[in-house]
């Protein structure tokens, strides 16, 4: 199985579950590649900062859905402390 190369964030690499979800949708992948590395970093941190597996799955799905809707950063989140 080969991994599709997609752009990472500033401080974070794209985790496998998020990579799989983003590469499964051409619209989500195009939106991902269109946002800044800092914005990608915030999405990655937003996904990885949760504790429960079910919350993480929800966040991964929301990244895809919200990017397709045109959102460029996680809403109502203080942001990644790795900026």
PDB file of N, CA and C in Angstrom:
ATOM      1  N   UNK A   1       0.852  -1.180   0.000  1.00  0.00           N
ATOM      2  CA  UNK A   1       0.000   0.000   0.000  1.00  0.00           C
ATOM      3  C   UNK A   1       0.897   1.242   0.000  1.00  0.00           C
ATOM      4  N   UNK A   2       0.661   2.143  -0.925  1.00  0.00           N
ATOM      5  CA  UNK A   2       1.465   3.360  -0.989  1.00  0.00           C
ATOM      6  C   UNK A   2       0.701   4.514  -0.373  1.00  0.00           C
ATOM      7  N   UNK A   3       1.460   5.392   0.260  1.00  0.00           N
ATOM      8  CA  UNK A   3       0.856   6.581   0.847  1.00  0.00           C
ATOM      9  C   UNK A   3       0.901   7.704  -0.163  1.00  0.00           C
ATOM     10  N   UNK A   4      -0.201   8.397  -0.317  1.00  0.00           N
ATOM     11  CA  UNK A   4      -0.199   9.574  -1.170  1.00  0.00           C
ATOM     12  C   UNK A   4       0.489  10.693  -0.410  1.00  0.00           C
ATOM     13  N   UNK A   5       1.319  11.434  -1.098  1.00  0.00           N
ATOM     14  CA  UNK A   5       2.004  12.548  -0.462  1.00  0.00           C
ATOM     15  C   UNK A   5       1.067  13.743  -0.413  1.00  0.00           C
ATOM     16  N   UNK A   6       0.922  14.274   0.779  1.00  0.00           N
ATOM     17  CA  UNK A   6       0.168  15.500   0.943  1.00  0.00           C
ATOM     18  C   UNK A   6       0.962  16.408   1.855  1.00  0.00           C
ATOM     19  N   UNK A   7       0.717  17.680   1.760  1.00  0.00           N
ATOM     20  CA  UNK A   7       1.468  18.658   2.532  1.00  0.00           C
ATOM     21  C   UNK A   7       1.155  18.553   4.012  1.00  0.00           C
ATOM     22  N   UNK A   8       2.196  18.773   4.824  1.00  0.00           N
ATOM     23  CA  UNK A   8       2.057  18.741   6.279  1.00  0.00           C
ATOM     24  C   UNK A   8       1.845  20.143   6.816  1.00  0.00           C
ATOM     25  N   UNK A   9       1.801  20.221   8.126  1.00  0.00           N
ATOM     26  CA  UNK A   9       1.716  21.515   8.793  1.00  0.00           C
ATOM     27  C   UNK A   9       3.101  22.047   9.094  1.00  0.00           C
ATOM     28  N   UNK A  10       3.173  23.077   9.908  1.00  0.00           N
ATOM     29  CA  UNK A  10       4.434  23.692  10.288  1.00  0.00           C
ATOM     30  C   UNK A  10       5.189  22.793  11.267  1.00  0.00           C
ATOM     31  N   UNK A  11       4.499  22.291  12.284  1.00  0.00           N
ATOM     32  CA  UNK A  11       5.133  21.492  13.328  1.00  0.00           C
ATOM     33  C   UNK A  11       4.652  20.048  13.331  1.00  0.00           C
ATOM     34  N   UNK A  12       3.628  19.733  12.571  1.00  0.00           N
ATOM     35  CA  UNK A  12       3.022  18.400  12.629  1.00  0.00           C
ATOM     36  C   UNK A  12       3.008  17.736  11.259  1.00  0.00           C
ATOM     37  N   UNK A  13       3.224  16.419  11.283  1.00  0.00           N
ATOM     38  CA  UNK A  13       3.018  15.601  10.088  1.00  0.00           C
ATOM     39  C   UNK A  13       1.554  15.170  10.075  1.00  0.00           C
ATOM     40  N   UNK A  14       1.061  14.851   8.913  1.00  0.00           N
ATOM     41  CA  UNK A  14      -0.334  14.421   8.786  1.00  0.00           C
ATOM     42  C   UNK A  14      -0.447  12.979   9.306  1.00  0.00           C
ATOM     43  N   UNK A  15      -1.259  12.748  10.342  1.00  0.00           N
ATOM     44  CA  UNK A  15      -1.430  11.380  10.846  1.00  0.00           C
ATOM     45  C   UNK A  15      -2.132  10.499   9.805  1.00  0.00           C
ATOM     46  N   UNK A  16      -1.892   9.199   9.906  1.00  0.00           N
ATOM     47  CA  UNK A  16      -2.406   8.267   8.902  1.00  0.00           C
ATOM     48  C   UNK A  16      -3.921   8.305   8.755  1.00  0.00           C
ATOM     49  N   UNK A  17      -4.666   8.412   9.859  1.00  0.00           N
ATOM     50  CA  UNK A  17      -6.120   8.418   9.750  1.00  0.00           C
ATOM     51  C   UNK A  17      -6.622   9.663   9.014  1.00  0.00           C
ATOM     52  N   UNK A  18      -6.001  10.792   9.263  1.00  0.00           N
ATOM     53  CA  UNK A  18      -6.381  12.022   8.571  1.00  0.00           C
ATOM     54  C   UNK A  18      -5.949  11.969   7.110  1.00  0.00           C
ATOM     55  N   UNK A  19      -4.750  11.451   6.857  1.00  0.00           N
ATOM     56  CA  UNK A  19      -4.256  11.314   5.474  1.00  0.00           C
ATOM     57  C   UNK A  19      -5.210  10.457   4.655  1.00  0.00           C
ATOM     58  N   UNK A  20      -5.644   9.336   5.225  1.00  0.00           N
ATOM     59  CA  UNK A  20      -6.551   8.425   4.512  1.00  0.00           C
ATOM     60  C   UNK A  20      -7.868   9.126   4.174  1.00  0.00           C
ATOM     61  N   UNK A  21      -8.394   9.875   5.127  1.00  0.00           N
ATOM     62  CA  UNK A  21      -9.659  10.576   4.905  1.00  0.00           C
ATOM     63  C   UNK A  21      -9.507  11.674   3.860  1.00  0.00           C
ATOM     64  N   UNK A  22      -8.429  12.443   3.945  1.00  0.00           N
ATOM     65  CA  UNK A  22      -8.227  13.540   2.992  1.00  0.00           C
ATOM     66  C   UNK A  22      -8.001  13.021   1.577  1.00  0.00           C
ATOM     67  N   UNK A  23      -7.230  11.936   1.447  1.00  0.00           N
ATOM     68  CA  UNK A  23      -6.940  11.411   0.108  1.00  0.00           C
ATOM     69  C   UNK A  23      -8.108  10.643  -0.487  1.00  0.00           C
ATOM     70  N   UNK A  24      -9.132  10.356   0.321  1.00  0.00           N
ATOM     71  CA  UNK A  24     -10.311   9.657  -0.209  1.00  0.00           C
ATOM     72  C   UNK A  24     -11.283  10.611  -0.899  1.00  0.00           C
ATOM     73  N   UNK A  25     -11.035  11.907  -0.776  1.00  0.00           N
ATOM     74  CA  UNK A  25     -11.912  12.905  -1.376  1.00  0.00           C
ATOM     75  C   UNK A  25     -11.067  13.932  -2.134  1.00  0.00           C
ATOM     76  N   UNK A  26     -11.260  14.015  -3.437  1.00  0.00           N
ATOM     77  CA  UNK A  26     -10.474  14.970  -4.221  1.00  0.00           C
ATOM     78  C   UNK A  26     -10.784  16.410  -3.817  1.00  0.00           C
ATOM     79  N   UNK A  27     -12.027  16.677  -3.433  1.00  0.00           N
ATOM     80  CA  UNK A  27     -12.397  18.038  -3.006  1.00  0.00           C
ATOM     81  C   UNK A  27     -11.710  18.399  -1.688  1.00  0.00           C
ATOM     82  N   UNK A  28     -11.696  17.463  -0.745  1.00  0.00           N
ATOM     83  CA  UNK A  28     -11.037  17.715   0.543  1.00  0.00           C
ATOM     84  C   UNK A  28      -9.537  17.869   0.353  1.00  0.00           C
ATOM     85  N   UNK A  29      -8.948  17.037  -0.482  1.00  0.00           N
ATOM     86  CA  UNK A  29      -7.512  17.110  -0.724  1.00  0.00           C
ATOM     87  C   UNK A  29      -7.139  18.428  -1.396  1.00  0.00           C
ATOM     88  N   UNK A  30      -7.931  18.867  -2.360  1.00  0.00           N
ATOM     89  CA  UNK A  30      -7.668  20.149  -3.017  1.00  0.00           C
ATOM     90  C   UNK A  30      -7.774  21.301  -2.027  1.00  0.00           C
ATOM     91  N   UNK A  31      -8.767  21.254  -1.159  1.00  0.00           N
ATOM     92  CA  UNK A  31      -8.924  22.298  -0.139  1.00  0.00           C
ATOM     93  C   UNK A  31      -7.754  22.270   0.831  1.00  0.00           C
ATOM     94  N   UNK A  32      -7.315  21.075   1.223  1.00  0.00           N
ATOM     95  CA  UNK A  32      -6.168  20.919   2.131  1.00  0.00           C
ATOM     96  C   UNK A  32      -4.916  21.551   1.527  1.00  0.00           C
ATOM     97  N   UNK A  33      -4.676  21.280   0.268  1.00  0.00           N
ATOM     98  CA  UNK A  33      -3.486  21.804  -0.399  1.00  0.00           C
ATOM     99  C   UNK A  33      -3.580  23.316  -0.622  1.00  0.00           C
ATOM    100  N   UNK A  34      -4.786  23.857  -0.573  1.00  0.00           N
ATOM    101  CA  UNK A  34      -4.994  25.289  -0.806  1.00  0.00           C
ATOM    102  C   UNK A  34      -4.814  26.132   0.457  1.00  0.00           C
ATOM    103  N   UNK A  35      -4.853  25.503   1.638  1.00  0.00           N
ATOM    104  CA  UNK A  35      -4.704  26.284   2.867  1.00  0.00           C
ATOM    105  C   UNK A  35      -3.217  26.399   3.224  1.00  0.00           C
ATOM    106  N   UNK A  36      -2.913  27.334   4.111  1.00  0.00           N
ATOM    107  CA  UNK A  36      -1.525  27.583   4.491  1.00  0.00           C
ATOM    108  C   UNK A  36      -0.988  26.450   5.380  1.00  0.00           C
ATOM    109  N   UNK A  37       0.331  26.306   5.445  1.00  0.00           N
ATOM    110  CA  UNK A  37       0.905  25.316   6.349  1.00  0.00           C
ATOM    111  C   UNK A  37       0.484  25.550   7.805  1.00  0.00           C
ATOM    112  N   UNK A  38       0.332  26.800   8.203  1.00  0.00           N
ATOM    113  CA  UNK A  38      -0.108  27.103   9.563  1.00  0.00           C
ATOM    114  C   UNK A  38      -1.536  26.614   9.795  1.00  0.00           C
ATOM    115  N   UNK A  39      -2.413  26.804   8.813  1.00  0.00           N
ATOM    116  CA  UNK A  39      -3.788  26.311   8.926  1.00  0.00           C
ATOM    117  C   UNK A  39      -3.809  24.780   8.963  1.00  0.00           C
ATOM    118  N   UNK A  40      -2.984  24.142   8.128  1.00  0.00           N
ATOM    119  CA  UNK A  40      -2.907  22.672   8.163  1.00  0.00           C
ATOM    120  C   UNK A  40      -2.434  22.204   9.535  1.00  0.00           C
ATOM    121  N   UNK A  41      -1.461  22.904  10.091  1.00  0.00           N
ATOM    122  CA  UNK A  41      -0.942  22.581  11.415  1.00  0.00           C
ATOM    123  C   UNK A  41      -2.056  22.629  12.459  1.00  0.00           C
ATOM    124  N   UNK A  42      -2.914  23.643  12.374  1.00  0.00           N
ATOM    125  CA  UNK A  42      -4.011  23.762  13.336  1.00  0.00           C
ATOM    126  C   UNK A  42      -5.010  22.628  13.195  1.00  0.00           C
ATOM    127  N   UNK A  43      -5.343  22.245  11.965  1.00  0.00           N
ATOM    128  CA  UNK A  43      -6.252  21.114  11.769  1.00  0.00           C
ATOM    129  C   UNK A  43      -5.642  19.845  12.351  1.00  0.00           C
ATOM    130  N   UNK A  44      -4.359  19.599  12.076  1.00  0.00           N
ATOM    131  CA  UNK A  44      -3.701  18.391  12.577  1.00  0.00           C
ATOM    132  C   UNK A  44      -3.716  18.376  14.102  1.00  0.00           C
ATOM    133  N   UNK A  45      -3.349  19.491  14.707  1.00  0.00           N
ATOM    134  CA  UNK A  45      -3.321  19.571  16.161  1.00  0.00           C
ATOM    135  C   UNK A  45      -4.728  19.399  16.739  1.00  0.00           C
ATOM    136  N   UNK A  46      -5.724  19.941  16.057  1.00  0.00           N
ATOM    137  CA  UNK A  46      -7.114  19.814  16.502  1.00  0.00           C
ATOM    138  C   UNK A  46      -7.531  18.345  16.520  1.00  0.00           C
ATOM    139  N   UNK A  47      -7.073  17.578  15.536  1.00  0.00           N
ATOM    140  CA  UNK A  47      -7.388  16.147  15.470  1.00  0.00           C
ATOM    141  C   UNK A  47      -6.629  15.374  16.550  1.00  0.00           C
ATOM    142  N   UNK A  48      -5.367  15.667  16.722  1.00  0.00           N
ATOM    143  CA  UNK A  48      -4.534  14.858  17.615  1.00  0.00           C
ATOM    144  C   UNK A  48      -4.625  15.257  19.082  1.00  0.00           C
ATOM    145  N   UNK A  49      -5.241  16.384  19.381  1.00  0.00           N
ATOM    146  CA  UNK A  49      -5.280  16.855  20.761  1.00  0.00           C
ATOM    147  C   UNK A  49      -6.389  16.227  21.607  1.00  0.00           C
ATOM    148  N   UNK A  50      -7.297  15.492  20.990  1.00  0.00           N
ATOM    149  CA  UNK A  50      -8.395  14.880  21.736  1.00  0.00           C
ATOM    150  C   UNK A  50      -7.951  13.562  22.373  1.00  0.00           C
ATOM    151  N   UNK A  51      -8.681  13.123  23.381  1.00  0.00           N
ATOM    152  CA  UNK A  51      -8.281  11.933  24.127  1.00  0.00           C
ATOM    153  C   UNK A  51      -9.038  10.672  23.725  1.00  0.00           C
ATOM    154  N   UNK A  52     -10.309  10.803  23.421  1.00  0.00           N
ATOM    155  CA  UNK A  52     -11.123   9.621  23.134  1.00  0.00           C
ATOM    156  C   UNK A  52     -11.055   9.261  21.641  1.00  0.00           C
ATOM    157  N   UNK A  53     -10.938   7.960  21.332  1.00  0.00           N
ATOM    158  CA  UNK A  53     -10.898   7.531  19.931  1.00  0.00           C
ATOM    159  C   UNK A  53     -12.135   7.967  19.132  1.00  0.00           C
ATOM    160  N   UNK A  54     -13.310   7.914  19.757  1.00  0.00           N
ATOM    161  CA  UNK A  54     -14.524   8.304  19.020  1.00  0.00           C
ATOM    162  C   UNK A  54     -14.541   9.799  18.717  1.00  0.00           C
ATOM    163  N   UNK A  55     -13.978  10.604  19.612  1.00  0.00           N
ATOM    164  CA  UNK A  55     -13.882  12.045  19.354  1.00  0.00           C
ATOM    165  C   UNK A  55     -12.906  12.300  18.220  1.00  0.00           C
ATOM    166  N   UNK A  56     -11.809  11.578  18.218  1.00  0.00           N
ATOM    167  CA  UNK A  56     -10.828  11.742  17.141  1.00  0.00           C
ATOM    168  C   UNK A  56     -11.443  11.374  15.797  1.00  0.00           C
ATOM    169  N   UNK A  57     -12.164  10.248  15.744  1.00  0.00           N
ATOM    170  CA  UNK A  57     -12.824   9.869  14.483  1.00  0.00           C
ATOM    171  C   UNK A  57     -13.769  10.967  14.019  1.00  0.00           C
ATOM    172  N   UNK A  58     -14.501  11.554  14.953  1.00  0.00           N
ATOM    173  CA  UNK A  58     -15.410  12.653  14.627  1.00  0.00           C
ATOM    174  C   UNK A  58     -14.634  13.850  14.090  1.00  0.00           C
ATOM    175  N   UNK A  59     -13.517  14.174  14.710  1.00  0.00           N
ATOM    176  CA  UNK A  59     -12.710  15.317  14.254  1.00  0.00           C
ATOM    177  C   UNK A  59     -12.151  15.071  12.855  1.00  0.00           C
ATOM    178  N   UNK A  60     -11.667  13.863  12.600  1.00  0.00           N
ATOM    179  CA  UNK A  60     -11.135  13.538  11.271  1.00  0.00           C
ATOM    180  C   UNK A  60     -12.212  13.731  10.211  1.00  0.00           C
ATOM    181  N   UNK A  61     -13.402  13.225  10.485  1.00  0.00           N
ATOM    182  CA  UNK A  61     -14.521  13.380   9.537  1.00  0.00           C
ATOM    183  C   UNK A  61     -14.862  14.855   9.355  1.00  0.00           C
ATOM    184  N   UNK A  62     -14.877  15.597  10.459  1.00  0.00           N
ATOM    185  CA  UNK A  62     -15.211  17.028  10.373  1.00  0.00           C
ATOM    186  C   UNK A  62     -14.170  17.809   9.593  1.00  0.00           C
ATOM    187  N   UNK A  63     -12.894  17.433   9.688  1.00  0.00           N
ATOM    188  CA  UNK A  63     -11.874  18.114   8.882  1.00  0.00           C
ATOM    189  C   UNK A  63     -12.247  18.002   7.415  1.00  0.00           C
ATOM    190  N   UNK A  64     -12.528  16.781   6.966  1.00  0.00           N
ATOM    191  CA  UNK A  64     -12.898  16.567   5.564  1.00  0.00           C
ATOM    192  C   UNK A  64     -14.134  17.375   5.189  1.00  0.00           C
ATOM    193  N   UNK A  65     -15.183  17.245   5.983  1.00  0.00           N
ATOM    194  CA  UNK A  65     -16.446  17.910   5.672  1.00  0.00           C
ATOM    195  C   UNK A  65     -16.309  19.432   5.681  1.00  0.00           C
ATOM    196  N   UNK A  66     -15.620  19.956   6.687  1.00  0.00           N
ATOM    197  CA  UNK A  66     -15.510  21.414   6.806  1.00  0.00           C
ATOM    198  C   UNK A  66     -14.587  22.009   5.753  1.00  0.00           C
ATOM    199  N   UNK A  67     -13.541  21.290   5.358  1.00  0.00           N
ATOM    200  CA  UNK A  67     -12.709  21.778   4.252  1.00  0.00           C
ATOM    201  C   UNK A  67     -13.519  21.847   2.963  1.00  0.00           C
ATOM    202  N   UNK A  68     -14.321  20.823   2.717  1.00  0.00           N
ATOM    203  CA  UNK A  68     -15.162  20.810   1.508  1.00  0.00           C
ATOM    204  C   UNK A  68     -16.160  21.973   1.544  1.00  0.00           C
ATOM    205  N   UNK A  69     -16.652  22.310   2.747  1.00  0.00           N
ATOM    206  CA  UNK A  69     -17.585  23.433   2.893  1.00  0.00           C
ATOM    207  C   UNK A  69     -16.899  24.794   2.740  1.00  0.00           C
ATOM    208  N   UNK A  70     -15.572  24.802   2.725  1.00  0.00           N
ATOM    209  CA  UNK A  70     -14.848  26.056   2.541  1.00  0.00           C
ATOM    210  C   UNK A  70     -14.186  26.617   3.783  1.00  0.00           C
ATOM    211  N   UNK A  71     -14.309  25.931   4.897  1.00  0.00           N
ATOM    212  CA  UNK A  71     -13.649  26.411   6.116  1.00  0.00           C
ATOM    213  C   UNK A  71     -12.146  26.192   5.993  1.00  0.00           C
ATOM    214  N   UNK A  72     -11.383  27.149   6.483  1.00  0.00           N
ATOM    215  CA  UNK A  72      -9.937  27.082   6.345  1.00  0.00           C
ATOM    216  C   UNK A  72      -9.213  26.771   7.647  1.00  0.00           C
ATOM    217  N   UNK A  73      -9.903  26.905   8.768  1.00  0.00           N
ATOM    218  CA  UNK A  73      -9.317  26.616  10.086  1.00  0.00           C
ATOM    219  C   UNK A  73     -10.393  26.035  10.994  1.00  0.00           C
ATOM    220  N   UNK A  74      -9.982  25.301  12.038  1.00  0.00           N
ATOM    221  CA  UNK A  74     -10.977  24.794  12.984  1.00  0.00           C
ATOM    222  C   UNK A  74     -11.723  25.952  13.641  1.00  0.00           C
ATOM    223  N   UNK A  75     -13.014  25.836  13.726  1.00  0.00           N
ATOM    224  CA  UNK A  75     -13.841  26.905  14.285  1.00  0.00           C
ATOM    225  C   UNK A  75     -13.897  26.813  15.800  1.00  0.00           C
ATOM    226  N   UNK A  76     -13.875  27.950  16.432  1.00  0.00           N
ATOM    227  CA  UNK A  76     -14.094  28.037  17.884  1.00  0.00           C
ATOM    228  C   UNK A  76     -13.085  27.212  18.675  1.00  0.00           C
ATOM    229  N   UNK A  77     -11.849  27.232  18.242  1.00  0.00           N
ATOM    230  CA  UNK A  77     -10.785  26.498  18.905  1.00  0.00           C
ATOM    231  C   UNK A  77      -9.638  27.466  19.098  1.00  0.00           C
ATOM    232  N   UNK A  78      -9.016  27.453  20.252  1.00  0.00           N
ATOM    233  CA  UNK A  78      -7.986  28.443  20.558  1.00  0.00           C
ATOM    234  C   UNK A  78      -6.754  28.305  19.679  1.00  0.00           C
ATOM    235  N   UNK A  79      -6.590  27.191  19.068  1.00  0.00           N
ATOM    236  CA  UNK A  79      -5.488  27.022  18.133  1.00  0.00           C
ATOM    237  C   UNK A  79      -4.374  26.163  18.686  1.00  0.00           C
ATOM    238  N   UNK A  80      -3.525  25.776  17.815  1.00  0.00           N
ATOM    239  CA  UNK A  80      -2.403  24.908  18.136  1.00  0.00           C
ATOM    240  C   UNK A  80      -1.354  25.686  18.924  1.00  0.00           C
ATOM    241  N   UNK A  81      -0.890  25.111  20.014  1.00  0.00           N
ATOM    242  CA  UNK A  81       0.130  25.797  20.791  1.00  0.00           C
ATOM    243  C   UNK A  81       1.530  25.603  20.219  1.00  0.00           C
ATOM    244  N   UNK A  82       1.639  24.958  19.088  1.00  0.00           N
ATOM    245  CA  UNK A  82       2.924  24.727  18.441  1.00  0.00           C
ATOM    246  C   UNK A  82       3.233  25.773  17.368  1.00  0.00           C
ATOM    247  N   UNK A  83       2.456  26.847  17.315  1.00  0.00           N
ATOM    248  CA  UNK A  83       2.644  27.838  16.259  1.00  0.00           C
ATOM    249  C   UNK A  83       3.937  28.547  16.426  1.00  0.00           C
TER     250      UNK A  83
END
